[in-house]
Protein backbone atom coordinates (compact mmCIF):
# COMPACT_ATOMS: atom_id res chain seq x y z
CA UNK A 1 148.74 61.98 85.67
CA UNK A 2 151.55 61.72 84.14
CA UNK A 3 151.15 58.18 83.75
CA UNK A 4 147.38 58.09 82.02
CA UNK A 5 148.82 60.77 80.05
CA UNK A 6 151.58 58.94 78.63
CA UNK A 7 149.48 55.51 78.49
CA UNK A 8 146.29 57.86 76.15
CA UNK A 9 149.60 58.88 74.09
CA UNK A 10 150.92 55.23 72.69
CA UNK A 11 147.35 54.48 72.17
CA UNK A 12 146.67 57.00 70.02
CA UNK A 13 150.10 56.31 68.21
CA UNK A 14 147.62 53.73 65.41
CA UNK A 15 145.16 56.64 64.82
CA UNK A 16 148.36 59.57 64.13
CA UNK A 17 149.46 56.56 61.79
CA UNK A 18 146.37 56.18 59.55
CA UNK A 19 146.79 59.37 58.50
CA UNK A 20 149.35 61.29 56.57
CA UNK A 21 150.52 63.81 58.60
CA UNK A 22 148.90 67.56 56.89
CA UNK A 23 152.15 69.35 57.43
CA UNK A 24 155.09 67.21 55.27
CA UNK A 25 157.86 68.34 53.93
CA UNK A 26 159.20 68.33 50.67
CA UNK A 27 159.97 65.50 49.26
CA UNK A 28 163.97 64.59 48.80
CA UNK A 29 164.58 67.05 52.36
CA UNK A 30 166.25 65.15 55.12
CA UNK A 31 164.48 63.41 56.99
CA UNK A 32 165.11 65.41 60.66
CA UNK A 33 165.69 62.10 62.64
CA UNK A 34 168.37 60.02 60.39
CA UNK A 35 169.01 62.19 57.25
CA UNK A 36 167.30 60.31 54.31
CA UNK A 37 165.37 61.67 51.95
CA UNK A 38 161.92 61.99 52.14
CA UNK A 39 160.10 60.32 48.85
CA UNK A 40 157.27 60.44 51.11
CA UNK A 41 154.80 61.47 54.22
CA UNK A 42 156.79 59.33 56.76
CA UNK A 43 160.97 58.55 56.91
CA UNK A 44 161.18 54.81 54.13
CA UNK A 45 164.45 54.15 55.90
CA UNK A 46 163.12 54.84 60.18
CA UNK A 47 159.38 55.17 59.54
CA UNK A 48 159.31 58.90 62.04
CA UNK A 49 156.66 61.39 59.54
CA UNK A 50 158.06 64.03 58.49
CA UNK A 51 155.21 66.60 59.59
CA UNK A 52 156.65 70.09 59.66
CA UNK A 53 155.81 71.62 63.53
CA UNK A 54 157.28 74.67 62.39
CA UNK A 55 154.21 76.65 61.93
CA UNK A 56 152.72 80.01 63.41
CA UNK A 57 150.41 80.19 66.08
CA UNK A 58 147.20 80.73 64.19
CA UNK A 59 147.71 78.08 62.71
CA UNK A 60 148.06 75.63 65.93
CA UNK A 61 145.12 76.51 67.42
CA UNK A 62 143.10 75.96 64.61
CA UNK A 63 144.84 72.82 64.54
CA UNK A 64 143.54 72.25 68.46
CA UNK A 65 140.20 73.72 67.80
CA UNK A 66 140.07 70.92 65.23
CA UNK A 67 140.93 68.50 67.16
CA UNK A 68 138.80 69.79 69.81
CA UNK A 69 135.27 68.80 67.51
CA UNK A 70 137.10 65.76 65.94
CA UNK A 71 137.21 64.59 69.74
CA UNK A 72 133.61 66.12 70.13
CA UNK A 73 131.98 64.86 67.43
CA UNK A 74 133.30 61.37 68.19
CA UNK A 75 132.04 61.70 71.81
CA UNK A 76 128.59 62.17 71.29
CA UNK A 77 128.81 58.81 68.93
CA UNK A 78 129.98 57.13 71.59
CA UNK A 79 128.17 57.44 74.43
CA UNK A 80 124.91 56.96 73.27
CA UNK A 81 125.65 53.49 72.51
CA UNK A 82 128.17 52.97 75.26
CA UNK A 83 125.29 53.85 77.22
CA UNK A 84 122.14 52.17 75.50
CA UNK A 85 123.60 49.73 73.03
CA UNK A 86 126.34 48.55 74.40
CA UNK A 87 126.48 45.00 72.89
CA UNK A 88 126.60 46.54 69.28
CA UNK A 89 129.57 49.61 70.47
CA UNK A 90 131.71 46.23 71.71
CA UNK A 91 130.35 44.28 68.40
CA UNK A 92 131.26 47.62 66.09
CA UNK A 93 134.62 48.02 66.97
CA UNK A 94 135.58 44.02 66.93
CA UNK A 95 134.20 43.91 63.25
CA UNK A 96 136.43 47.02 62.08
CA UNK A 97 133.65 49.37 61.81
CA UNK A 98 136.62 51.72 64.09
CA UNK A 99 136.62 55.28 63.25
CA UNK A 100 133.69 56.47 64.35
CA UNK A 101 134.16 55.54 68.13
CA UNK A 102 137.05 56.96 70.89
CA UNK A 103 139.22 53.95 71.18
CA UNK A 104 137.97 52.36 73.81
CA UNK A 105 141.93 51.94 76.23
CA UNK A 106 141.28 56.48 75.58
CA UNK A 107 137.55 56.15 76.90
CA UNK A 108 138.30 54.12 79.37
CA UNK A 109 141.67 56.10 80.95
CA UNK A 110 139.43 59.34 80.76
CA UNK A 111 136.87 57.84 82.66
CA UNK A 112 139.72 57.21 85.50
CA UNK A 113 140.25 60.62 85.52
CA UNK A 114 136.76 61.39 85.48
CA UNK A 115 135.84 59.06 88.48
CA UNK A 116 139.27 60.55 90.74
CA UNK A 117 137.75 64.34 89.76
CA UNK A 118 134.09 62.89 91.42
CA UNK A 119 135.90 61.39 94.41
CA UNK A 120 137.66 65.07 95.14
CA UNK A 121 134.38 66.57 95.34
CA UNK A 122 133.42 65.71 98.48
CA UNK A 123 134.78 67.12 101.64
CA UNK A 124 138.74 66.37 102.75
CA UNK A 125 138.97 63.63 105.19
CA UNK A 126 140.13 64.04 108.03
CA UNK A 127 142.98 61.68 110.08
CA UNK A 128 141.91 57.98 111.06
CA UNK A 129 141.70 57.46 114.46
CA UNK A 130 144.92 55.25 116.01
CA UNK A 131 144.86 53.56 119.13
CA UNK A 132 148.36 51.45 120.15
CA UNK A 133 146.86 50.27 122.90
CA UNK A 134 146.45 53.45 125.42
CA UNK A 135 147.23 55.83 123.11
CA UNK A 136 144.49 57.50 120.65
CA UNK A 137 146.11 59.92 118.17
CA UNK A 138 144.68 63.97 118.23
CA UNK A 139 142.54 63.52 114.96
CA UNK A 140 139.43 62.32 115.14
CA UNK A 141 137.52 61.20 112.16
CA UNK A 142 134.71 58.36 110.83
CA UNK A 143 137.24 55.51 110.98
CA UNK A 144 138.70 53.91 113.86
CA UNK A 145 141.55 51.87 113.68
CA UNK A 146 142.65 49.92 116.74
CA UNK A 147 146.18 47.71 116.84
CA UNK A 148 147.26 46.07 119.73
CA UNK A 149 150.37 46.42 121.56
CA UNK A 150 153.43 45.02 119.40
CA UNK A 151 154.50 41.88 120.07
CA UNK A 152 156.82 41.43 117.36
CA UNK A 153 158.63 42.94 114.45
CA UNK A 154 155.88 42.60 112.37
CA UNK A 155 153.49 44.46 114.55
CA UNK A 156 156.36 46.98 115.59
CA UNK A 157 156.51 47.28 111.70
CA UNK A 158 152.60 47.94 110.97
CA UNK A 159 152.56 50.00 114.24
CA UNK A 160 155.29 52.56 113.25
CA UNK A 161 153.85 53.37 109.40
CA UNK A 162 149.81 53.24 110.89
CA UNK A 163 150.93 56.14 113.50
CA UNK A 164 153.23 57.55 110.67
CA UNK A 165 150.11 57.91 108.10
CA UNK A 166 148.00 59.14 111.54
CA UNK A 167 150.55 61.59 111.48
CA UNK A 168 150.98 62.64 108.29
CA UNK A 169 147.11 62.15 106.83
CA UNK A 170 147.60 64.17 104.13
CA UNK A 171 150.90 62.95 102.52
CA UNK A 172 148.62 59.29 102.68
CA UNK A 173 145.72 60.26 100.72
CA UNK A 174 148.00 61.70 98.67
CA UNK A 175 149.71 58.64 98.01
CA UNK A 176 146.68 56.59 98.36
CA UNK A 177 145.34 58.33 95.34
CA UNK A 178 148.64 57.69 92.66
CA UNK A 179 148.35 54.50 93.15
CA UNK A 180 144.85 53.71 93.07
CA UNK A 181 144.93 55.66 89.87
CA UNK A 182 148.28 53.21 88.35
CA UNK A 183 146.65 50.39 89.73
CA UNK A 184 143.10 51.00 88.67
CA UNK A 185 144.85 50.16 84.31
CA UNK A 186 145.16 46.33 86.33
CA UNK A 187 141.50 45.80 86.22
CA UNK A 188 141.64 45.96 82.35
CA UNK A 189 143.91 42.69 82.47
CA UNK A 190 142.32 40.96 85.27
CA UNK A 191 138.77 41.71 83.61
CA UNK A 192 139.92 39.88 80.58
CA UNK A 193 141.83 36.97 82.16
CA UNK A 194 138.12 36.41 84.15
CA UNK A 195 136.60 36.44 80.20
CA UNK A 196 139.29 34.07 78.55
CA UNK A 197 138.64 31.65 81.93
CA UNK A 198 135.00 32.01 81.39
CA UNK A 199 135.05 31.25 77.52
CA UNK A 200 138.31 29.31 77.43
CA UNK A 201 136.49 26.91 74.39
CA UNK A 202 134.48 29.66 72.38
CA UNK A 203 136.55 29.51 68.92
CA UNK A 204 136.79 32.74 67.17
CA UNK A 205 137.10 34.15 70.44
CA UNK A 206 140.40 35.69 71.70
CA UNK A 207 141.95 38.24 74.94
CA UNK A 208 141.73 40.88 71.80
CA UNK A 209 138.02 40.61 72.54
CA UNK A 210 137.76 40.77 76.61
CA UNK A 211 140.31 43.11 76.51
CA UNK A 212 138.03 45.73 73.94
CA UNK A 213 135.54 44.29 76.24
CA UNK A 214 136.57 45.38 79.61
CA UNK A 215 137.29 48.56 78.18
CA UNK A 216 133.92 49.40 77.19
CA UNK A 217 132.22 47.70 80.34
CA UNK A 218 134.34 49.02 83.22
CA UNK A 219 134.58 52.38 81.09
CA UNK A 220 130.47 52.26 81.64
CA UNK A 221 130.73 51.77 85.06
CA UNK A 222 133.23 54.49 85.82
CA UNK A 223 131.25 56.82 84.19
CA UNK A 224 128.23 55.56 86.18
CA UNK A 225 130.62 55.20 89.78
CA UNK A 226 131.30 59.04 88.83
CA UNK A 227 128.14 60.06 88.50
CA UNK A 228 127.25 58.70 91.56
CA UNK A 229 129.71 60.13 93.54
CA UNK A 230 128.88 63.55 91.92
CA UNK A 231 125.45 63.40 92.52
CA UNK A 232 125.73 62.54 96.03
CA UNK A 233 126.67 66.18 96.85
CA UNK A 234 122.85 67.32 96.18
CA UNK A 235 120.88 63.30 96.97
CA UNK A 236 121.85 60.27 98.52
CA UNK A 237 118.97 58.93 96.48
CA UNK A 238 121.80 58.88 93.56
CA UNK A 239 122.17 56.42 94.62
CA UNK A 240 119.51 54.04 93.40
CA UNK A 241 121.47 54.60 90.17
CA UNK A 242 123.76 51.76 90.93
CA UNK A 243 121.16 49.76 90.21
CA UNK A 244 121.45 50.06 86.27
CA UNK A 245 125.00 48.24 86.72
CA UNK A 246 124.34 44.83 86.75
CA UNK A 247 121.80 45.63 84.18
CA UNK A 248 123.93 47.54 81.76
CA UNK A 249 126.28 44.41 82.19
CA UNK A 250 123.28 41.37 82.09
CA UNK A 251 123.27 43.39 78.08
CA UNK A 252 126.28 44.11 76.99
CA UNK A 253 127.82 40.53 77.77
CA UNK A 254 124.97 39.12 76.20
CA UNK A 255 124.73 40.80 73.48
CA UNK A 256 128.61 41.13 72.68
CA UNK A 257 129.16 36.98 73.50
CA UNK A 258 125.71 35.71 71.98
CA UNK A 259 124.87 34.25 74.83
CA UNK A 260 121.45 32.99 76.30
CA UNK A 261 120.09 33.80 80.08
CA UNK A 262 121.66 30.87 81.88
CA UNK A 263 125.16 31.59 80.26
CA UNK A 264 125.11 35.51 80.73
CA UNK A 265 124.17 35.28 84.42
CA UNK A 266 125.91 32.23 85.26
CA UNK A 267 129.05 34.03 84.05
CA UNK A 268 127.97 37.36 85.58
CA UNK A 269 128.01 35.14 88.80
CA UNK A 270 131.73 34.18 88.27
CA UNK A 271 132.77 37.51 87.44
CA UNK A 272 131.37 39.40 90.41
CA UNK A 273 133.07 36.87 92.83
CA UNK A 274 136.07 37.50 90.94
CA UNK A 275 136.09 41.17 91.07
CA UNK A 276 134.58 40.70 94.24
CA UNK A 277 138.53 39.31 95.29
CA UNK A 278 140.70 41.40 92.87
CA UNK A 279 139.01 44.22 94.60
CA UNK A 280 140.01 43.36 97.80
CA UNK A 281 143.36 42.12 97.88
CA UNK A 282 143.76 45.35 95.45
CA UNK A 283 142.91 47.75 98.59
CA UNK A 284 144.73 45.75 100.60
CA UNK A 285 147.82 46.20 97.93
CA UNK A 286 146.74 49.66 98.14
CA UNK A 287 147.06 50.66 101.93
CA UNK A 288 150.08 48.94 102.54
CA UNK A 289 151.66 50.77 99.40
CA UNK A 290 150.84 53.95 101.83
CA UNK A 291 151.59 52.86 104.60
CA UNK A 292 155.23 51.89 103.17
CA UNK A 293 155.53 55.39 101.14
CA UNK A 294 154.34 57.25 104.68
CA UNK A 295 156.15 55.90 106.88
CA UNK A 296 159.63 55.89 104.66
């Protein structure tokens, strides 16, 4: 999850810069980065924070606990609105009331991690059955891939990599998981682009608005999927919770953009078709990447 952590760090920069550091170097001390004499909490020459990180373990531990409670307080103020009043959450963020919320991109990254953690709770998957002509791989599993005898170079290439994936299913699954985590972030620009097309004539609505809406909407849908996937280990009835997804999207879309019932339903239909196409393309691309890296 190194890439997600880097993205979360980038997302946290504005919140860090928004408040003065607590342990600043004394005025007149040289900036550790460029050597300029400091005149405030940030270097006036290079912009680096003058925060002094050389402090005791006790102080570092206290600050870590403080940070956890700060995140916890914002988390419990954000999640109820995300689940029950999503339009209010998004509109308040767009209107500038942001301090009490978890930054939307950070929330989205947390949810991505939770989804993959929930997906890993089930029993390990066995390798797929692969038929190449009359040959069949020894491992057995719940799905079946049939590959006809190679008729051209493309078929040869595909057959060789499917065989390699069948021989090393653990590596294939690990590759799929790693790239699925990376591709998950692409859901944001795809969703925002679809919304941009649906509201291209609306004045005063910008791509930034669509991105914030997408982060909040996908965060809720991801949390719902994580709950269903984790709960399915206990009972199959938890799958009925997925019916909440379209209801939540309807309320979120209608309230955020001030739409009527028909306008909301029409846009939901377009979003559903566009999302289905995007998901299918991403799935095909994910499998191809997995086959390429496993067979390399």
